[in-house]
């Protein structure tokens, strides 16, 4: 990917394939574009007020269906997630869940998921790979 417009198109195409209940885990270095990908994906379904939940841990959005956007970057352990109702979020089969930095607390990541790895090749180029588990 050489341009933000390419990422927006990819995120939009990705969202056209997503079904309720999907769990999507995004990993990559700081500044790789995880939040930008999620903003672009949700923007493609009409949600414009997307912000990183770094301090809140989770943001919830509604755009014809529910979306949960988690960020594990500042979490110390899985107990912090369970305190805010992680299991309830996981069990919501109607919502699409995005998780940034899922690799930091791998023990809570669902077995069935889509993983997106975003790697910066240079300031303007990203490599984005997808895997379904």
N, C-alpha and C. Protein backbone atom coordinates (compact mmCIF):
# COMPACT_ATOMS: atom_id res chain seq x y z
N UNK A 1 0.84 -1.16 0.00
CA UNK A 1 0.00 0.00 0.00
C UNK A 1 0.90 1.24 0.00
N UNK A 2 0.66 2.11 -0.92
CA UNK A 2 1.50 3.29 -1.03
C UNK A 2 0.83 4.58 -0.61
N UNK A 3 -0.43 4.54 -0.31
CA UNK A 3 -1.14 5.79 -0.06
C UNK A 3 -2.31 5.54 0.88
N UNK A 4 -2.70 6.56 1.65
CA UNK A 4 -3.84 6.41 2.54
C UNK A 4 -5.11 6.03 1.80
N UNK A 5 -5.26 6.52 0.56
CA UNK A 5 -6.45 6.16 -0.23
C UNK A 5 -6.50 4.66 -0.51
N UNK A 6 -5.33 4.04 -0.70
CA UNK A 6 -5.28 2.59 -0.91
C UNK A 6 -5.77 1.87 0.35
N UNK A 7 -5.36 2.35 1.51
CA UNK A 7 -5.79 1.73 2.76
C UNK A 7 -7.28 1.92 2.96
N UNK A 8 -7.79 3.10 2.64
CA UNK A 8 -9.24 3.33 2.75
C UNK A 8 -10.03 2.36 1.87
N UNK A 9 -9.57 2.19 0.63
CA UNK A 9 -10.26 1.26 -0.28
C UNK A 9 -10.20 -0.17 0.25
N UNK A 10 -9.03 -0.58 0.72
CA UNK A 10 -8.88 -1.93 1.25
C UNK A 10 -9.78 -2.13 2.47
N UNK A 11 -9.82 -1.16 3.36
CA UNK A 11 -10.66 -1.26 4.55
C UNK A 11 -12.14 -1.32 4.18
N UNK A 12 -12.54 -0.54 3.19
CA UNK A 12 -13.92 -0.56 2.72
C UNK A 12 -14.27 -1.92 2.11
N UNK A 13 -13.38 -2.44 1.28
CA UNK A 13 -13.60 -3.77 0.70
C UNK A 13 -13.68 -4.84 1.79
N UNK A 14 -12.82 -4.72 2.78
CA UNK A 14 -12.80 -5.65 3.91
C UNK A 14 -14.15 -5.62 4.62
N UNK A 15 -14.66 -4.43 4.89
CA UNK A 15 -15.94 -4.30 5.61
C UNK A 15 -17.10 -4.91 4.82
N UNK A 16 -17.01 -4.89 3.51
CA UNK A 16 -18.10 -5.47 2.72
C UNK A 16 -18.17 -6.99 2.89
N UNK A 17 -17.13 -7.60 3.43
CA UNK A 17 -17.08 -9.05 3.64
C UNK A 17 -17.37 -9.45 5.09
N UNK A 18 -17.42 -8.48 6.00
CA UNK A 18 -17.54 -8.75 7.43
C UNK A 18 -19.00 -9.01 7.80
N UNK A 19 -19.18 -9.98 8.70
CA UNK A 19 -20.52 -10.34 9.18
C UNK A 19 -20.62 -10.05 10.68
N UNK A 20 -21.84 -9.86 11.18
CA UNK A 20 -22.01 -9.67 12.63
C UNK A 20 -21.33 -10.79 13.40
N UNK A 21 -20.73 -10.43 14.52
CA UNK A 21 -20.07 -11.41 15.37
C UNK A 21 -18.59 -11.62 15.07
N UNK A 22 -18.10 -11.02 13.99
CA UNK A 22 -16.68 -11.20 13.63
C UNK A 22 -15.79 -10.52 14.67
N UNK A 23 -14.68 -11.17 14.96
CA UNK A 23 -13.65 -10.64 15.86
C UNK A 23 -12.41 -10.37 15.02
N UNK A 24 -11.96 -9.12 15.01
CA UNK A 24 -10.86 -8.70 14.14
C UNK A 24 -9.74 -8.14 15.01
N UNK A 25 -8.57 -8.76 14.91
CA UNK A 25 -7.42 -8.39 15.72
C UNK A 25 -6.40 -7.72 14.82
N UNK A 26 -5.97 -6.51 15.22
CA UNK A 26 -4.97 -5.77 14.44
C UNK A 26 -3.68 -5.65 15.23
N UNK A 27 -2.59 -6.02 14.60
CA UNK A 27 -1.28 -5.93 15.22
C UNK A 27 -0.35 -5.16 14.30
N UNK A 28 0.68 -4.60 14.88
CA UNK A 28 1.67 -3.84 14.14
C UNK A 28 2.35 -2.86 15.08
N UNK A 29 3.45 -2.32 14.64
CA UNK A 29 4.21 -1.38 15.46
C UNK A 29 3.39 -0.12 15.74
N UNK A 30 3.86 0.64 16.72
CA UNK A 30 3.27 1.93 17.03
C UNK A 30 3.33 2.81 15.77
N UNK A 31 2.20 3.37 15.38
CA UNK A 31 2.16 4.24 14.21
C UNK A 31 2.05 3.52 12.88
N UNK A 32 1.86 2.20 12.90
CA UNK A 32 1.78 1.43 11.66
C UNK A 32 0.50 1.72 10.87
N UNK A 33 -0.58 2.09 11.57
CA UNK A 33 -1.83 2.39 10.87
C UNK A 33 -3.01 1.56 11.32
N UNK A 34 -2.94 0.95 12.49
CA UNK A 34 -4.05 0.13 12.98
C UNK A 34 -5.32 0.97 13.16
N UNK A 35 -5.19 2.10 13.86
CA UNK A 35 -6.36 2.96 14.09
C UNK A 35 -6.85 3.54 12.77
N UNK A 36 -5.95 3.91 11.89
CA UNK A 36 -6.36 4.46 10.59
C UNK A 36 -7.18 3.42 9.80
N UNK A 37 -6.76 2.16 9.84
CA UNK A 37 -7.50 1.11 9.15
C UNK A 37 -8.90 0.99 9.73
N UNK A 38 -9.01 0.99 11.06
CA UNK A 38 -10.33 0.86 11.69
C UNK A 38 -11.19 2.09 11.38
N UNK A 39 -10.61 3.28 11.47
CA UNK A 39 -11.36 4.50 11.10
C UNK A 39 -11.87 4.40 9.67
N UNK A 40 -11.04 3.92 8.78
CA UNK A 40 -11.43 3.79 7.37
C UNK A 40 -12.52 2.73 7.20
N UNK A 41 -12.37 1.61 7.91
CA UNK A 41 -13.37 0.54 7.82
C UNK A 41 -14.72 1.03 8.31
N UNK A 42 -14.73 1.64 9.49
CA UNK A 42 -16.00 2.12 10.04
C UNK A 42 -16.53 3.31 9.27
N UNK A 43 -15.65 4.13 8.75
CA UNK A 43 -16.08 5.24 7.90
C UNK A 43 -16.83 4.76 6.67
N UNK A 44 -16.45 3.59 6.18
CA UNK A 44 -17.10 3.04 4.97
C UNK A 44 -18.54 2.61 5.24
N UNK A 45 -18.91 2.47 6.53
CA UNK A 45 -20.30 2.13 6.87
C UNK A 45 -20.99 3.32 7.54
N UNK A 46 -20.39 4.52 7.38
CA UNK A 46 -21.04 5.74 7.82
C UNK A 46 -20.72 6.22 9.22
N UNK A 47 -19.77 5.60 9.89
CA UNK A 47 -19.39 6.02 11.24
C UNK A 47 -18.20 6.95 11.11
N UNK A 48 -18.38 8.20 11.51
CA UNK A 48 -17.33 9.21 11.30
C UNK A 48 -16.60 9.63 12.56
N UNK A 49 -17.11 9.32 13.72
CA UNK A 49 -16.53 9.82 14.98
C UNK A 49 -15.61 8.79 15.64
N UNK A 50 -14.81 8.09 14.87
CA UNK A 50 -13.96 7.03 15.39
C UNK A 50 -12.68 7.61 15.99
N UNK A 51 -12.42 7.25 17.24
CA UNK A 51 -11.21 7.68 17.94
C UNK A 51 -10.54 6.46 18.57
N UNK A 52 -9.25 6.55 18.78
CA UNK A 52 -8.53 5.48 19.45
C UNK A 52 -8.99 5.36 20.89
N UNK A 53 -9.30 4.15 21.34
CA UNK A 53 -9.73 3.96 22.73
C UNK A 53 -8.55 3.67 23.67
N UNK A 54 -7.39 4.24 23.40
CA UNK A 54 -6.20 3.95 24.20
C UNK A 54 -6.43 4.15 25.70
N UNK A 55 -7.13 5.20 26.08
CA UNK A 55 -7.34 5.46 27.50
C UNK A 55 -8.65 4.86 27.99
N UNK A 56 -9.65 4.78 27.15
CA UNK A 56 -10.95 4.24 27.55
C UNK A 56 -10.99 2.72 27.47
N UNK A 57 -10.07 2.10 26.80
CA UNK A 57 -9.95 0.67 26.52
C UNK A 57 -10.92 0.24 25.42
N UNK A 58 -12.17 0.71 25.47
CA UNK A 58 -13.14 0.32 24.44
C UNK A 58 -14.03 1.50 24.07
N UNK A 59 -14.32 1.61 22.78
CA UNK A 59 -15.32 2.54 22.28
C UNK A 59 -16.39 1.71 21.59
N UNK A 60 -17.62 2.14 21.72
CA UNK A 60 -18.73 1.45 21.07
C UNK A 60 -19.34 2.39 20.04
N UNK A 61 -19.68 1.83 18.88
CA UNK A 61 -20.26 2.60 17.78
C UNK A 61 -21.49 1.89 17.26
N UNK A 62 -22.37 2.67 16.64
CA UNK A 62 -23.56 2.12 16.00
C UNK A 62 -23.63 2.67 14.60
N UNK A 63 -23.71 1.78 13.63
CA UNK A 63 -23.84 2.17 12.23
C UNK A 63 -24.67 1.14 11.50
N UNK A 64 -25.91 0.96 11.95
CA UNK A 64 -26.74 -0.11 11.41
C UNK A 64 -26.52 -1.40 12.16
N UNK A 65 -25.43 -1.51 12.85
CA UNK A 65 -25.13 -2.60 13.76
C UNK A 65 -24.10 -2.11 14.77
N UNK A 66 -23.83 -2.91 15.79
CA UNK A 66 -22.88 -2.52 16.83
C UNK A 66 -21.45 -2.86 16.41
N UNK A 67 -20.56 -1.97 16.81
CA UNK A 67 -19.12 -2.18 16.63
C UNK A 67 -18.44 -1.87 17.95
N UNK A 68 -17.51 -2.73 18.36
CA UNK A 68 -16.67 -2.49 19.53
C UNK A 68 -15.25 -2.30 19.04
N UNK A 69 -14.57 -1.31 19.58
CA UNK A 69 -13.19 -1.00 19.20
C UNK A 69 -12.35 -0.96 20.47
N UNK A 70 -11.53 -1.99 20.64
CA UNK A 70 -10.66 -2.11 21.82
C UNK A 70 -9.24 -1.72 21.47
N UNK A 71 -8.51 -1.26 22.48
CA UNK A 71 -7.08 -1.00 22.35
C UNK A 71 -6.41 -1.55 23.61
N UNK A 72 -5.57 -2.57 23.43
CA UNK A 72 -4.91 -3.23 24.57
C UNK A 72 -3.58 -2.57 24.94
N UNK A 73 -3.17 -1.52 24.25
CA UNK A 73 -1.83 -0.97 24.41
C UNK A 73 -1.48 -0.61 25.85
N UNK A 74 -2.39 -0.02 26.58
CA UNK A 74 -2.10 0.44 27.94
C UNK A 74 -2.49 -0.55 29.03
N UNK A 75 -3.02 -1.70 28.66
CA UNK A 75 -3.43 -2.69 29.66
C UNK A 75 -2.22 -3.40 30.26
N UNK A 76 -2.33 -3.70 31.54
CA UNK A 76 -1.25 -4.42 32.22
C UNK A 76 -1.47 -5.93 32.19
N UNK A 77 -2.76 -6.35 32.19
CA UNK A 77 -3.06 -7.79 32.21
C UNK A 77 -4.51 -8.02 31.80
N UNK A 78 -4.85 -9.29 31.66
CA UNK A 78 -6.20 -9.68 31.23
C UNK A 78 -7.25 -9.31 32.27
N UNK A 79 -6.89 -9.26 33.54
CA UNK A 79 -7.86 -8.94 34.59
C UNK A 79 -8.51 -7.58 34.34
N UNK A 80 -7.76 -6.63 33.80
CA UNK A 80 -8.33 -5.32 33.51
C UNK A 80 -9.45 -5.41 32.48
N UNK A 81 -9.31 -6.31 31.53
CA UNK A 81 -10.37 -6.51 30.54
C UNK A 81 -11.61 -7.15 31.17
N UNK A 82 -11.40 -8.15 31.98
CA UNK A 82 -12.53 -8.82 32.61
C UNK A 82 -13.29 -7.88 33.53
N UNK A 83 -12.61 -6.91 34.13
CA UNK A 83 -13.26 -5.94 35.00
C UNK A 83 -14.24 -5.05 34.23
N UNK A 84 -14.00 -4.82 32.96
CA UNK A 84 -14.92 -3.99 32.17
C UNK A 84 -15.93 -4.82 31.38
N UNK A 85 -15.97 -6.12 31.62
CA UNK A 85 -16.98 -6.96 30.97
C UNK A 85 -16.54 -7.61 29.67
N UNK A 86 -15.27 -7.92 29.52
CA UNK A 86 -14.73 -8.52 28.30
C UNK A 86 -15.57 -9.70 27.82
N UNK A 87 -15.96 -10.58 28.73
CA UNK A 87 -16.71 -11.77 28.33
C UNK A 87 -18.04 -11.39 27.70
N UNK A 88 -18.68 -10.34 28.22
CA UNK A 88 -19.96 -9.89 27.63
C UNK A 88 -19.74 -9.37 26.22
N UNK A 89 -18.66 -8.62 26.02
CA UNK A 89 -18.35 -8.14 24.67
C UNK A 89 -18.10 -9.31 23.72
N UNK A 90 -17.34 -10.29 24.18
CA UNK A 90 -17.04 -11.47 23.34
C UNK A 90 -18.30 -12.24 22.96
N UNK A 91 -19.25 -12.30 23.89
CA UNK A 91 -20.46 -13.09 23.66
C UNK A 91 -21.51 -12.38 22.84
N UNK A 92 -21.29 -11.14 22.47
CA UNK A 92 -22.26 -10.39 21.68
C UNK A 92 -22.08 -10.78 20.21
N UNK A 93 -22.93 -11.68 19.75
CA UNK A 93 -22.82 -12.21 18.38
C UNK A 93 -23.35 -11.26 17.32
N UNK A 94 -23.93 -10.14 17.74
CA UNK A 94 -24.45 -9.16 16.78
C UNK A 94 -23.41 -8.09 16.46
N UNK A 95 -22.43 -7.92 17.32
CA UNK A 95 -21.45 -6.84 17.17
C UNK A 95 -20.20 -7.33 16.44
N UNK A 96 -19.58 -6.42 15.72
CA UNK A 96 -18.26 -6.66 15.13
C UNK A 96 -17.25 -6.05 16.09
N UNK A 97 -16.23 -6.82 16.42
CA UNK A 97 -15.22 -6.38 17.38
C UNK A 97 -13.88 -6.16 16.69
N UNK A 98 -13.30 -4.99 16.91
CA UNK A 98 -11.93 -4.69 16.47
C UNK A 98 -11.07 -4.59 17.72
N UNK A 99 -9.89 -5.19 17.69
CA UNK A 99 -8.96 -5.12 18.81
C UNK A 99 -7.59 -4.72 18.29
N UNK A 100 -7.11 -3.55 18.75
CA UNK A 100 -5.74 -3.14 18.44
C UNK A 100 -4.81 -3.70 19.50
N UNK A 101 -3.62 -4.09 19.08
CA UNK A 101 -2.59 -4.62 19.98
C UNK A 101 -3.03 -5.91 20.65
N UNK A 102 -3.79 -6.74 19.95
CA UNK A 102 -4.24 -8.01 20.51
C UNK A 102 -3.09 -8.92 20.92
N UNK A 103 -1.95 -8.77 20.28
CA UNK A 103 -0.80 -9.61 20.61
C UNK A 103 -0.27 -9.37 22.02
N UNK A 104 -0.65 -8.26 22.66
CA UNK A 104 -0.14 -7.95 23.99
C UNK A 104 -0.81 -8.78 25.09
N UNK A 105 -2.02 -9.25 24.83
CA UNK A 105 -2.73 -10.11 25.80
C UNK A 105 -3.34 -11.28 25.00
N UNK A 106 -2.50 -12.15 24.48
CA UNK A 106 -2.97 -13.20 23.58
C UNK A 106 -3.92 -14.21 24.22
N UNK A 107 -3.86 -14.36 25.54
CA UNK A 107 -4.71 -15.36 26.20
C UNK A 107 -6.20 -15.05 26.13
N UNK A 108 -6.57 -13.83 25.81
CA UNK A 108 -8.00 -13.47 25.74
C UNK A 108 -8.53 -13.43 24.30
N UNK A 109 -7.66 -13.58 23.34
CA UNK A 109 -8.06 -13.47 21.93
C UNK A 109 -8.87 -14.71 21.54
N UNK A 110 -10.03 -14.49 20.89
CA UNK A 110 -10.85 -15.64 20.47
C UNK A 110 -10.13 -16.54 19.47
N UNK A 111 -10.42 -17.82 19.55
CA UNK A 111 -9.81 -18.77 18.61
C UNK A 111 -10.27 -18.49 17.18
N UNK A 112 -11.55 -18.17 17.03
CA UNK A 112 -12.09 -17.82 15.71
C UNK A 112 -11.98 -16.31 15.55
N UNK A 113 -11.16 -15.88 14.59
CA UNK A 113 -10.90 -14.46 14.42
C UNK A 113 -10.28 -14.20 13.06
N UNK A 114 -10.21 -12.92 12.73
CA UNK A 114 -9.44 -12.45 11.59
C UNK A 114 -8.29 -11.63 12.17
N UNK A 115 -7.09 -11.93 11.76
CA UNK A 115 -5.94 -11.13 12.20
C UNK A 115 -5.43 -10.31 11.04
N UNK A 116 -5.18 -9.05 11.32
CA UNK A 116 -4.62 -8.13 10.34
C UNK A 116 -3.27 -7.65 10.88
N UNK A 117 -2.23 -7.87 10.11
CA UNK A 117 -0.90 -7.39 10.48
C UNK A 117 -0.56 -6.23 9.57
N UNK A 118 -0.21 -5.10 10.17
CA UNK A 118 0.16 -3.92 9.40
C UNK A 118 1.62 -3.61 9.70
N UNK A 119 2.43 -3.62 8.66
CA UNK A 119 3.85 -3.36 8.80
C UNK A 119 4.24 -2.14 7.99
N UNK A 120 4.96 -1.23 8.63
CA UNK A 120 5.48 -0.06 7.93
C UNK A 120 6.74 -0.46 7.18
N UNK A 121 6.75 -0.20 5.89
CA UNK A 121 7.95 -0.45 5.10
C UNK A 121 8.81 0.81 5.04
N UNK A 122 8.15 1.96 5.00
CA UNK A 122 8.79 3.27 5.10
C UNK A 122 7.69 4.27 5.46
N UNK A 123 7.95 5.55 5.41
CA UNK A 123 6.96 6.54 5.84
C UNK A 123 5.65 6.48 5.06
N UNK A 124 5.69 6.06 3.81
CA UNK A 124 4.49 6.09 2.99
C UNK A 124 3.99 4.71 2.57
N UNK A 125 4.73 3.66 2.87
CA UNK A 125 4.37 2.32 2.40
C UNK A 125 4.08 1.38 3.56
N UNK A 126 2.95 0.69 3.48
CA UNK A 126 2.55 -0.29 4.47
C UNK A 126 2.30 -1.62 3.77
N UNK A 127 2.57 -2.68 4.48
CA UNK A 127 2.17 -4.01 4.02
C UNK A 127 1.10 -4.51 4.97
N UNK A 128 -0.05 -4.89 4.43
CA UNK A 128 -1.17 -5.33 5.25
C UNK A 128 -1.49 -6.77 4.84
N UNK A 129 -1.45 -7.66 5.84
CA UNK A 129 -1.76 -9.07 5.57
C UNK A 129 -2.94 -9.50 6.45
N UNK A 130 -3.73 -10.42 5.93
CA UNK A 130 -4.93 -10.90 6.60
C UNK A 130 -4.81 -12.41 6.78
N UNK A 131 -5.29 -12.90 7.91
CA UNK A 131 -5.35 -14.34 8.16
C UNK A 131 -6.63 -14.63 8.94
N UNK A 132 -7.29 -15.72 8.59
CA UNK A 132 -8.50 -16.14 9.31
C UNK A 132 -8.16 -17.39 10.11
N UNK A 133 -8.54 -17.36 11.37
CA UNK A 133 -8.32 -18.50 12.26
C UNK A 133 -9.64 -19.00 12.79
